[in-house]
Amino acid sequence: ARVKELLQNVRSGRLTADAALRRLKSLSIHDLS
């Protein structure tokens, strides 16, 4: 649901493609040490 919302925000212009890409990149493994 959040990914769909993200894509809809890009389509509507509320979010840039670069900002969406940054959010998607943050979905990888988060290393807390």
Full PDB file with SEQRES, HELIX, SHEET, SSBOND, CRYST1, ORIGX, SCALE, CONECT and MASTER records, all heavy atoms in Angstrom:
SEQRES   1 A   33  ALA ARG VAL LYS GLU LEU LEU GLN ASN VAL ARG SER GLY          
SEQRES   2 A   33  ARG LEU THR ALA ASP ALA ALA LEU ARG ARG LEU LYS SER          
SEQRES   3 A   33  LEU SER ILE HIS ASP LEU SER                                  
HELIX    1 AA1 ARG A    2  SER A   12  1                                  11    
HELIX    2 AA2 ALA A   17  LYS A   25  1                                   9    
CRYST1    1.000    1.000    1.000  90.00  90.00  90.00 P 1           1          
ORIGX1      1.000000  0.000000  0.000000        0.00000                         
ORIGX2      0.000000  1.000000  0.000000        0.00000                         
ORIGX3      0.000000  0.000000  1.000000        0.00000                         
SCALE1      1.000000  0.000000  0.000000        0.00000                         
SCALE2      0.000000  1.000000  0.000000        0.00000                         
SCALE3      0.000000  0.000000  1.000000        0.00000                         
ATOM      1  N   ALA A   1       0.826  -1.206   0.000  1.00  0.00           N  
ATOM      2  CA  ALA A   1       0.000   0.000   0.000  1.00  0.00           C  
ATOM      3  C   ALA A   1       0.864   1.260   0.000  1.00  0.00           C  
ATOM      4  O   ALA A   1       0.560   2.235  -0.701  1.00  0.00           O  
ATOM      5  CB  ALA A   1      -0.944   0.003   1.204  1.00  0.00           C  
ATOM      6  N   ARG A   2       1.953   1.247   0.761  1.00  0.00           N  
ATOM      7  CA  ARG A   2       2.840   2.415   0.795  1.00  0.00           C  
ATOM      8  C   ARG A   2       3.581   2.603  -0.523  1.00  0.00           C  
ATOM      9  O   ARG A   2       3.817   3.725  -0.947  1.00  0.00           O  
ATOM     10  CB  ARG A   2       3.835   2.293   1.946  1.00  0.00           C  
ATOM     11  CG  ARG A   2       3.220   2.633   3.294  1.00  0.00           C  
ATOM     12  CD  ARG A   2       4.291   2.750   4.324  1.00  0.00           C  
ATOM     13  NE  ARG A   2       3.753   3.257   5.570  1.00  0.00           N  
ATOM     14  CZ  ARG A   2       4.498   3.583   6.601  1.00  0.00           C  
ATOM     15  NH1 ARG A   2       5.808   3.468   6.540  1.00  0.00           N  
ATOM     16  NH2 ARG A   2       3.956   4.030   7.702  1.00  0.00           N  
ATOM     17  N   VAL A   3       3.965   1.516  -1.171  1.00  0.00           N  
ATOM     18  CA  VAL A   3       4.630   1.631  -2.471  1.00  0.00           C  
ATOM     19  C   VAL A   3       3.655   2.208  -3.496  1.00  0.00           C  
ATOM     20  O   VAL A   3       4.006   3.098  -4.271  1.00  0.00           O  
ATOM     21  CB  VAL A   3       5.179   0.268  -2.947  1.00  0.00           C  
ATOM     22  CG1 VAL A   3       5.662   0.346  -4.388  1.00  0.00           C  
ATOM     23  CG2 VAL A   3       6.322  -0.183  -2.040  1.00  0.00           C  
ATOM     24  N   LYS A   4       2.404   1.734  -3.487  1.00  0.00           N  
ATOM     25  CA  LYS A   4       1.394   2.271  -4.413  1.00  0.00           C  
ATOM     26  C   LYS A   4       1.169   3.761  -4.159  1.00  0.00           C  
ATOM     27  O   LYS A   4       1.075   4.552  -5.094  1.00  0.00           O  
ATOM     28  CB  LYS A   4       0.075   1.503  -4.271  1.00  0.00           C  
ATOM     29  CG  LYS A   4       0.112   0.139  -4.896  1.00  0.00           C  
ATOM     30  CD  LYS A   4      -1.221  -0.570  -4.709  1.00  0.00           C  
ATOM     31  CE  LYS A   4      -1.171  -1.980  -5.246  1.00  0.00           C  
ATOM     32  NZ  LYS A   4      -2.430  -2.709  -5.027  1.00  0.00           N  
ATOM     33  N   GLU A   5       1.100   4.138  -2.881  1.00  0.00           N  
ATOM     34  CA  GLU A   5       0.922   5.551  -2.525  1.00  0.00           C  
ATOM     35  C   GLU A   5       2.110   6.378  -3.023  1.00  0.00           C  
ATOM     36  O   GLU A   5       1.937   7.473  -3.564  1.00  0.00           O  
ATOM     37  CB  GLU A   5       0.780   5.693  -1.013  1.00  0.00           C  
ATOM     38  CG  GLU A   5       0.597   7.120  -0.541  1.00  0.00           C  
ATOM     39  CD  GLU A   5       0.534   7.219   0.976  1.00  0.00           C  
ATOM     40  OE1 GLU A   5       0.413   6.191   1.660  1.00  0.00           O  
ATOM     41  OE2 GLU A   5       0.608   8.360   1.468  1.00  0.00           O  
ATOM     42  N   LEU A   6       3.307   5.851  -2.861  1.00  0.00           N  
ATOM     43  CA  LEU A   6       4.511   6.521  -3.342  1.00  0.00           C  
ATOM     44  C   LEU A   6       4.440   6.736  -4.852  1.00  0.00           C  
ATOM     45  O   LEU A   6       4.683   7.839  -5.354  1.00  0.00           O  
ATOM     46  CB  LEU A   6       5.739   5.678  -2.980  1.00  0.00           C  
ATOM     47  CG  LEU A   6       7.099   6.226  -3.342  1.00  0.00           C  
ATOM     48  CD1 LEU A   6       7.481   7.378  -2.429  1.00  0.00           C  
ATOM     49  CD2 LEU A   6       8.139   5.112  -3.229  1.00  0.00           C  
ATOM     50  N   LEU A   7       4.060   5.705  -5.580  1.00  0.00           N  
ATOM     51  CA  LEU A   7       3.957   5.806  -7.038  1.00  0.00           C  
ATOM     52  C   LEU A   7       2.854   6.791  -7.458  1.00  0.00           C  
ATOM     53  O   LEU A   7       3.026   7.560  -8.411  1.00  0.00           O  
ATOM     54  CB  LEU A   7       3.712   4.425  -7.646  1.00  0.00           C  
ATOM     55  CG  LEU A   7       4.860   3.433  -7.482  1.00  0.00           C  
ATOM     56  CD1 LEU A   7       4.438   2.043  -7.951  1.00  0.00           C  
ATOM     57  CD2 LEU A   7       6.098   3.895  -8.207  1.00  0.00           C  
ATOM     58  N   GLN A   8       1.737   6.775  -6.755  1.00  0.00           N  
ATOM     59  CA  GLN A   8       0.655   7.723  -7.053  1.00  0.00           C  
ATOM     60  C   GLN A   8       1.100   9.160  -6.796  1.00  0.00           C  
ATOM     61  O   GLN A   8       0.739  10.068  -7.538  1.00  0.00           O  
ATOM     62  CB  GLN A   8      -0.591   7.383  -6.233  1.00  0.00           C  
ATOM     63  CG  GLN A   8      -1.273   6.117  -6.699  1.00  0.00           C  
ATOM     64  CD  GLN A   8      -2.338   5.613  -5.731  1.00  0.00           C  
ATOM     65  OE1 GLN A   8      -2.437   6.079  -4.599  1.00  0.00           O  
ATOM     66  NE2 GLN A   8      -3.120   4.645  -6.193  1.00  0.00           N  
ATOM     67  N   ASN A   9       1.902   9.360  -5.747  1.00  0.00           N  
ATOM     68  CA  ASN A   9       2.412  10.697  -5.451  1.00  0.00           C  
ATOM     69  C   ASN A   9       3.357  11.188  -6.544  1.00  0.00           C  
ATOM     70  O   ASN A   9       3.378  12.375  -6.865  1.00  0.00           O  
ATOM     71  CB  ASN A   9       3.103  10.731  -4.095  1.00  0.00           C  
ATOM     72  CG  ASN A   9       2.121  10.713  -2.946  1.00  0.00           C  
ATOM     73  OD1 ASN A   9       0.967  11.090  -3.084  1.00  0.00           O  
ATOM     74  ND2 ASN A   9       2.584  10.255  -1.801  1.00  0.00           N  
ATOM     75  N   VAL A  10       4.141  10.279  -7.133  1.00  0.00           N  
ATOM     76  CA  VAL A  10       5.006  10.655  -8.251  1.00  0.00           C  
ATOM     77  C   VAL A  10       4.148  11.007  -9.455  1.00  0.00           C  
ATOM     78  O   VAL A  10       4.343  12.037 -10.099  1.00  0.00           O  
ATOM     79  CB  VAL A  10       6.005   9.528  -8.600  1.00  0.00           C  
ATOM     80  CG1 VAL A  10       6.736   9.829  -9.905  1.00  0.00           C  
ATOM     81  CG2 VAL A  10       7.000   9.331  -7.462  1.00  0.00           C  
ATOM     82  N   ARG A  11       3.149  10.173  -9.738  1.00  0.00           N  
ATOM     83  CA  ARG A  11       2.283  10.412 -10.887  1.00  0.00           C  
ATOM     84  C   ARG A  11       1.535  11.735 -10.769  1.00  0.00           C  
ATOM     85  O   ARG A  11       1.403  12.480 -11.731  1.00  0.00           O  
ATOM     86  CB  ARG A  11       1.280   9.270 -11.068  1.00  0.00           C  
ATOM     87  CG  ARG A  11       0.377   9.491 -12.274  1.00  0.00           C  
ATOM     88  CD  ARG A  11      -0.512   8.323 -12.604  1.00  0.00           C  
ATOM     89  NE  ARG A  11      -1.141   7.748 -11.433  1.00  0.00           N  
ATOM     90  CZ  ARG A  11      -1.849   6.642 -11.454  1.00  0.00           C  
ATOM     91  NH1 ARG A  11      -2.022   5.980 -12.570  1.00  0.00           N  
ATOM     92  NH2 ARG A  11      -2.394   6.178 -10.356  1.00  0.00           N  
ATOM     93  N   SER A  12       1.104  12.077  -9.559  1.00  0.00           N  
ATOM     94  CA  SER A  12       0.324  13.306  -9.366  1.00  0.00           C  
ATOM     95  C   SER A  12       1.213  14.548  -9.256  1.00  0.00           C  
ATOM     96  O   SER A  12       0.706  15.670  -9.241  1.00  0.00           O  
ATOM     97  CB  SER A  12      -0.532  13.191  -8.109  1.00  0.00           C  
ATOM     98  OG  SER A  12       0.278  13.221  -6.956  1.00  0.00           O  
ATOM     99  N   GLY A  13       2.526  14.343  -9.111  1.00  0.00           N  
ATOM    100  CA  GLY A  13       3.430  15.478  -8.997  1.00  0.00           C  
ATOM    101  C   GLY A  13       3.684  15.929  -7.569  1.00  0.00           C  
ATOM    102  O   GLY A  13       4.411  16.895  -7.345  1.00  0.00           O  
ATOM    103  N   ARG A  14       3.098  15.253  -6.585  1.00  0.00           N  
ATOM    104  CA  ARG A  14       3.325  15.619  -5.182  1.00  0.00           C  
ATOM    105  C   ARG A  14       4.716  15.211  -4.705  1.00  0.00           C  
ATOM    106  O   ARG A  14       5.192  15.687  -3.677  1.00  0.00           O  
ATOM    107  CB  ARG A  14       2.263  14.975  -4.289  1.00  0.00           C  
ATOM    108  CG  ARG A  14       0.890  15.597  -4.431  1.00  0.00           C  
ATOM    109  CD  ARG A  14      -0.064  15.072  -3.372  1.00  0.00           C  
ATOM    110  NE  ARG A  14      -0.290  13.634  -3.497  1.00  0.00           N  
ATOM    111  CZ  ARG A  14      -1.372  13.081  -4.031  1.00  0.00           C  
ATOM    112  NH1 ARG A  14      -2.340  13.831  -4.492  1.00  0.00           N  
ATOM    113  NH2 ARG A  14      -1.497  11.774  -4.087  1.00  0.00           N  
ATOM    114  N   LEU A  15       5.372  14.313  -5.467  1.00  0.00           N  
ATOM    115  CA  LEU A  15       6.687  13.817  -5.114  1.00  0.00           C  
ATOM    116  C   LEU A  15       7.503  13.661  -6.391  1.00  0.00           C  
ATOM    117  O   LEU A  15       6.982  13.206  -7.402  1.00  0.00           O  
ATOM    118  CB  LEU A  15       6.543  12.441  -4.421  1.00  0.00           C  
ATOM    119  CG  LEU A  15       7.764  11.837  -3.761  1.00  0.00           C  
ATOM    120  CD1 LEU A  15       8.196  12.671  -2.551  1.00  0.00           C  
ATOM    121  CD2 LEU A  15       7.451  10.417  -3.310  1.00  0.00           C  
ATOM    122  N   THR A  16       8.758  14.050  -6.318  1.00  0.00           N  
ATOM    123  CA  THR A  16       9.604  13.916  -7.508  1.00  0.00           C  
ATOM    124  C   THR A  16      10.066  12.462  -7.638  1.00  0.00           C  
ATOM    125  O   THR A  16      10.107  11.711  -6.646  1.00  0.00           O  
ATOM    126  CB  THR A  16      10.845  14.829  -7.429  1.00  0.00           C  
ATOM    127  OG1 THR A  16      11.693  14.347  -6.366  1.00  0.00           O  
ATOM    128  CG2 THR A  16      10.461  16.283  -7.212  1.00  0.00           C  
ATOM    129  N   ALA A  17      10.457  12.095  -8.841  1.00  0.00           N  
ATOM    130  CA  ALA A  17      10.974  10.746  -9.075  1.00  0.00           C  
ATOM    131  C   ALA A  17      12.244  10.525  -8.263  1.00  0.00           C  
ATOM    132  O   ALA A  17      12.473   9.426  -7.736  1.00  0.00           O  
ATOM    133  CB  ALA A  17      11.221  10.531 -10.559  1.00  0.00           C  
ATOM    134  N   ASP A  18      13.088  11.551  -8.141  1.00  0.00           N  
ATOM    135  CA  ASP A  18      14.320  11.422  -7.362  1.00  0.00           C  
ATOM    136  C   ASP A  18      14.022  11.163  -5.887  1.00  0.00           C  
ATOM    137  O   ASP A  18      14.683  10.343  -5.238  1.00  0.00           O  
ATOM    138  CB  ASP A  18      15.187  12.671  -7.509  1.00  0.00           C  
ATOM    139  CG  ASP A  18      15.842  12.770  -8.878  1.00  0.00           C  
ATOM    140  OD1 ASP A  18      15.974  11.720  -9.549  1.00  0.00           O  
ATOM    141  OD2 ASP A  18      16.220  13.891  -9.271  1.00  0.00           O  
ATOM    142  N   ALA A  19      13.029  11.868  -5.349  1.00  0.00           N  
ATOM    143  CA  ALA A  19      12.660  11.667  -3.943  1.00  0.00           C  
ATOM    144  C   ALA A  19      12.105  10.257  -3.738  1.00  0.00           C  
ATOM    145  O   ALA A  19      12.420   9.599  -2.739  1.00  0.00           O  
ATOM    146  CB  ALA A  19      11.634  12.709  -3.508  1.00  0.00           C  
ATOM    147  N   ALA A  20      11.309   9.787  -4.676  1.00  0.00           N  
ATOM    148  CA  ALA A  20      10.777   8.428  -4.587  1.00  0.00           C  
ATOM    149  C   ALA A  20      11.901   7.405  -4.663  1.00  0.00           C  
ATOM    150  O   ALA A  20      11.907   6.410  -3.917  1.00  0.00           O  
ATOM    151  CB  ALA A  20       9.763   8.192  -5.696  1.00  0.00           C  
ATOM    152  N   LEU A  21      12.854   7.630  -5.528  1.00  0.00           N  
ATOM    153  CA  LEU A  21      13.992   6.734  -5.658  1.00  0.00           C  
ATOM    154  C   LEU A  21      14.783   6.663  -4.355  1.00  0.00           C  
ATOM    155  O   LEU A  21      15.189   5.583  -3.914  1.00  0.00           O  
ATOM    156  CB  LEU A  21      14.890   7.177  -6.817  1.00  0.00           C  
ATOM    157  CG  LEU A  21      16.102   6.300  -7.103  1.00  0.00           C  
ATOM    158  CD1 LEU A  21      15.670   4.879  -7.459  1.00  0.00           C  
ATOM    159  CD2 LEU A  21      16.923   6.904  -8.229  1.00  0.00           C  
ATOM    160  N   ARG A  22      14.989   7.805  -3.703  1.00  0.00           N  
ATOM    161  CA  ARG A  22      15.699   7.821  -2.419  1.00  0.00           C  
ATOM    162  C   ARG A  22      14.952   6.972  -1.385  1.00  0.00           C  
ATOM    163  O   ARG A  22      15.563   6.218  -0.628  1.00  0.00           O  
ATOM    164  CB  ARG A  22      15.873   9.247  -1.907  1.00  0.00           C  
ATOM    165  CG  ARG A  22      17.021  10.002  -2.556  1.00  0.00           C  
ATOM    166  CD  ARG A  22      17.348  11.299  -1.834  1.00  0.00           C  
ATOM    167  NE  ARG A  22      16.242  12.246  -1.775  1.00  0.00           N  
ATOM    168  CZ  ARG A  22      15.918  13.094  -2.762  1.00  0.00           C  
ATOM    169  NH1 ARG A  22      16.623  13.111  -3.887  1.00  0.00           N  
ATOM    170  NH2 ARG A  22      14.910  13.922  -2.624  1.00  0.00           N  
ATOM    171  N   ARG A  23      13.628   7.087  -1.363  1.00  0.00           N  
ATOM    172  CA  ARG A  23      12.839   6.289  -0.410  1.00  0.00           C  
ATOM    173  C   ARG A  23      12.948   4.799  -0.712  1.00  0.00           C  
ATOM    174  O   ARG A  23      13.073   3.981   0.194  1.00  0.00           O  
ATOM    175  CB  ARG A  23      11.380   6.716  -0.428  1.00  0.00           C  
ATOM    176  CG  ARG A  23      11.160   8.056   0.227  1.00  0.00           C  
ATOM    177  CD  ARG A  23       9.699   8.359   0.374  1.00  0.00           C  
ATOM    178  NE  ARG A  23       9.517   9.745   0.755  1.00  0.00           N  
ATOM    179  CZ  ARG A  23       8.345  10.306   0.899  1.00  0.00           C  
ATOM    180  NH1 ARG A  23       7.242   9.630   0.679  1.00  0.00           N  
ATOM    181  NH2 ARG A  23       8.254  11.568   1.249  1.00  0.00           N  
ATOM    182  N   LEU A  24      12.897   4.445  -1.978  1.00  0.00           N  
ATOM    183  CA  LEU A  24      13.000   3.034  -2.347  1.00  0.00           C  
ATOM    184  C   LEU A  24      14.382   2.475  -2.030  1.00  0.00           C  
ATOM    185  O   LEU A  24      14.512   1.331  -1.598  1.00  0.00           O  
ATOM    186  CB  LEU A  24      12.660   2.847  -3.829  1.00  0.00           C  
ATOM    187  CG  LEU A  24      11.187   3.080  -4.187  1.00  0.00           C  
ATOM    188  CD1 LEU A  24      11.000   3.067  -5.693  1.00  0.00           C  
ATOM    189  CD2 LEU A  24      10.294   2.039  -3.516  1.00  0.00           C  
ATOM    190  N   LYS A  25      15.420   3.284  -2.213  1.00  0.00           N  
ATOM    191  CA  LYS A  25      16.773   2.832  -1.897  1.00  0.00           C  
ATOM    192  C   LYS A  25      16.931   2.558  -0.403  1.00  0.00           C  
ATOM    193  O   LYS A  25      17.722   1.710   0.000  1.00  0.00           O  
ATOM    194  CB  LYS A  25      17.805   3.872  -2.335  1.00  0.00           C  
ATOM    195  CG  LYS A  25      18.090   3.854  -3.815  1.00  0.00           C  
ATOM    196  CD  LYS A  25      19.164   4.877  -4.156  1.00  0.00           C  
ATOM    197  CE  LYS A  25      19.532   4.837  -5.617  1.00  0.00           C  
ATOM    198  NZ  LYS A  25      20.578   5.814  -5.945  1.00  0.00           N  
ATOM    199  N   SER A  26      16.171   3.267   0.427  1.00  0.00           N  
ATOM    200  CA  SER A  26      16.283   3.092   1.875  1.00  0.00           C  
ATOM    201  C   SER A  26      15.659   1.783   2.346  1.00  0.00           C  
ATOM    202  O   SER A  26      15.730   1.453   3.524  1.00  0.00           O  
ATOM    203  CB  SER A  26      15.649   4.274   2.612  1.00  0.00           C  
ATOM    204  OG  SER A  26      14.238   4.207   2.533  1.00  0.00           O  
ATOM    205  N   LEU A  27      15.066   1.028   1.431  1.00  0.00           N  
ATOM    206  CA  LEU A  27      14.427  -0.232   1.814  1.00  0.00           C  
ATOM    207  C   LEU A  27      15.408  -1.390   1.945  1.00  0.00           C  
ATOM    208  O   LEU A  27      15.020  -2.491   2.297  1.00  0.00           O  
ATOM    209  CB  LEU A  27      13.358  -0.617   0.788  1.00  0.00           C  
ATOM    210  CG  LEU A  27      12.125   0.273   0.749  1.00  0.00           C  
ATOM    211  CD1 LEU A  27      11.189  -0.191  -0.338  1.00  0.00           C  
ATOM    212  CD2 LEU A  27      11.433   0.277   2.089  1.00  0.00           C  
ATOM    213  N   SER A  28      16.645  -1.163   1.664  1.00  0.00           N  
ATOM    214  CA  SER A  28      17.620  -2.248   1.747  1.00  0.00           C  
ATOM    215  C   SER A  28      17.882  -2.611   3.209  1.00  0.00           C  
ATOM    216  O   SER A  28      17.209  -2.140   4.114  1.00  0.00           O  
ATOM    217  CB  SER A  28      18.915  -1.818   1.057  1.00  0.00           C  
ATOM    218  OG  SER A  28      19.477  -0.717   1.745  1.00  0.00           O  
ATOM    219  N   ILE A  29      18.880  -3.399   3.425  1.00  0.00           N  
ATOM    220  CA  ILE A  29      19.277  -3.776   4.785  1.00  0.00           C  
ATOM    221  C   ILE A  29      19.825  -2.545   5.503  1.00  0.00           C  
ATOM    222  O   ILE A  29      20.682  -1.840   4.983  1.00  0.00           O  
ATOM    223  CB  ILE A  29      20.353  -4.887   4.752  1.00  0.00           C  
ATOM    224  CG1 ILE A  29      19.834  -6.125   4.033  1.00  0.00           C  
ATOM    225  CG2 ILE A  29      20.852  -5.210   6.149  1.00  0.00           C  
ATOM    226  CD1 ILE A  29      18.692  -6.833   4.714  1.00  0.00           C  
ATOM    227  N   HIS A  30      19.316  -2.282   6.697  1.00  0.00           N  
ATOM    228  CA  HIS A  30      19.780  -1.165   7.510  1.00  0.00           C  
ATOM    229  C   HIS A  30      20.762  -1.727   8.542  1.00  0.00           C  
ATOM    230  O   HIS A  30      20.366  -2.442   9.456  1.00  0.00           O  
ATOM    231  CB  HIS A  30      18.595  -0.483   8.183  1.00  0.00           C  
ATOM    232  CG  HIS A  30      18.954   0.748   8.934  1.00  0.00           C  
ATOM    233  ND1 HIS A  30      18.181   1.241   9.947  1.00  0.00           N  
ATOM    234  CD2 HIS A  30      19.999   1.597   8.835  1.00  0.00           C  
ATOM    235  CE1 HIS A  30      18.733   2.331  10.433  1.00  0.00           C  
ATOM    236  NE2 HIS A  30      19.833   2.562   9.782  1.00  0.00           N  
ATOM    237  N   ASP A  31      22.037  -1.397   8.392  1.00  0.00           N  
ATOM    238  CA  ASP A  31      23.072  -1.905   9.282  1.00  0.00           C  
ATOM    239  C   ASP A  31      23.209  -0.978  10.482  1.00  0.00           C  
ATOM    240  O   ASP A  31      23.623   0.171  10.352  1.00  0.00           O  
ATOM    241  CB  ASP A  31      24.397  -2.008   8.522  1.00  0.00           C  
ATOM    242  CG  ASP A  31      25.456  -2.781   9.294  1.00  0.00           C  
ATOM    243  OD1 ASP A  31      25.266  -3.005  10.511  1.00  0.00           O  
ATOM    244  OD2 ASP A  31      26.452  -3.162   8.684  1.00  0.00           O  
ATOM    245  N   LEU A  32      22.865  -1.498  11.663  1.00  0.00           N  
ATOM    246  CA  LEU A  32      22.969  -0.729  12.905  1.00  0.00           C  
ATOM    247  C   LEU A  32      24.258  -1.059  13.659  1.00  0.00           C  
ATOM    248  O   LEU A  32      24.390  -0.719  14.812  1.00  0.00           O  
ATOM    249  CB  LEU A  32      21.762  -1.021  13.803  1.00  0.00           C  
ATOM    250  CG  LEU A  32      20.407  -0.634  13.243  1.00  0.00           C  
ATOM    251  CD1 LEU A  32      19.280  -1.159  14.144  1.00  0.00           C  
ATOM    252  CD2 LEU A  32      20.303   0.874  13.109  1.00  0.00           C  
ATOM    253  N   SER A  33      25.174  -1.763  13.057  1.00  0.00           N  
ATOM    254  CA  SER A  33      26.451  -2.258  13.589  1.00  0.00           C  
ATOM    255  C   SER A  33      26.247  -3.477  14.496  1.00  0.00           C  
ATOM    256  O   SER A  33      27.029  -4.407  14.441  1.00  0.00           O  
ATOM    257  CB  SER A  33      27.279  -1.171  14.278  1.00  0.00           C  
ATOM    258  OG  SER A  33      26.780  -0.846  15.541  1.00  0.00           O  
TER     259      SER A  33                                                      
MASTER        0    0    0    2    0    0    0    6  258    1    0    3          
END                                                                             
